[in-house]
């Protein structure tokens, strides 16, 4: 992504590949802070796209449509009702008021809500779901999209939501040939695609010998470091989702969701070796420590990045193995993560300019993670976002001037070795041969862009939307519930869209 991109308006031609529908893209949650920015970016940069707006408030939608110069026929009022988990029913949790069990009425209301939402989504080829937190209202939009046979992209950064949707809707999405793709935003897309791009670049650079034959180069480690410049604050919606995500991890709900994936797909996942080969270098990447460490390449002090990046990358690799076992994709010998070797060691960090900045983040993070373990602590955090984040997250979000100042750079380094070097290593008498880095290969990539949360993110999700609308036939899957890395990572055209 080029931080100096001039935002020229581009006219594009989109061929309709399904039955003719009146709209190309519908932004659900178009009155929210981010949804409004996504809709505005589409309207200003791609006026030939037939755009619709959807959400809960007609008044809010009318206002946004007026600002964008859209007709009232482009507005659709629809509410995404939370779908109760089947576990709640099994646990005997019912909606009882004044001695009357209202669960059946509630279930009927949810069903009607999903049907209404499905009817709305059937008018568009693709929905961009921009309303969160997704654990509250995201599932209804996923379910309605599949019923409507409408492709779905969202901005979700909640790992539990990824796993829950995979378990519940993967089979149905495949049958209906509907793409359900979460995390189409910063920070997951720069991380996932940087992971894929750096790995591929390493193989392209070192994967062939001078005679043009194949050289067995293997990616053994990948490091990702996010750095930020002039970021003033963020909207509180992201903060609220983070609270719920930390609480889910602390209470074991996230683990239950991951266990559910293992139960549902365990027999279908092609297993990779867990032990690293002895010729892979040892300790190239060390797990991020609690205290900050200086990172020479970025000239920052790094801390472990607690966003969804690592979960996304690992989930994409897992999904790839699920689909390989169904013989839906040939095993690519140039794939950096072929199934006959373990996955590369992964490190995801973020860098800050000074050690003092790092310690401030650790202090606030410690309070946050402690409170998020308990329900009362979550309520306290939800009610006071500015206080508990030193005003880094605010209900009103950043101003336009603050957004213009911000930018990010995502650095990725892929490390690899040649399998042909293993014979000399294995014959060595040195007991520490796996720490030898003399045969280590590496490639660095960078992904840079404007303010990440609300300037880059609309551009990112729209770039992926264009890929689905214009080049769907080049993607490896026609339907399923997945993440950006596995769907777009090895598709060269997507990088062209992102560079624009």
Foldseek 3Di string as FASTA:
>chain_A
DDAPDPLAADEDDFDDDDPDFQFAEEEEPCLDPQNVLLQQSCLRRYVNGGYAYEYADPVSRVVSCVVSVHDPVRYYYAAQAQDDDVVCVVVVNFDADPNDTCRVVVVVVNVVRLCSLLVVQLRYQEYEYEDDPCNGGVVSNVSSCLVSLHAYEYQYQALLVLLVCQLPCFVSFQVSLHAAAYNLFPPQVQLLLQVLVFLLVLCVVPQADPVRDGFQKAWAEKEKEKEKDLQQAFACRVVLSVLVRLQCVLVCVSVVSVVSSCVRQVVQFQAADPDAPLQAAPPPDDEFDLAWDQDVVVQFTKGADPTRNVVQNVQLVRVVRNVVSVVLDDQDSSRNCGRHHDDHHYGYIYGDNDSVVVVVCSVLVVLSSVLSNDPVSSVVCSVCVCVSPVHNYDNVTDDPVSQSRMKMKMKMKIKIATPVCVVVLVPDPDPNSSNDCPRITMDMDMDMHGHGPRPLGSQSSVLVSCCCRHPVVQWSGSTGRGYCSNTPNPPVVSVVSSVD
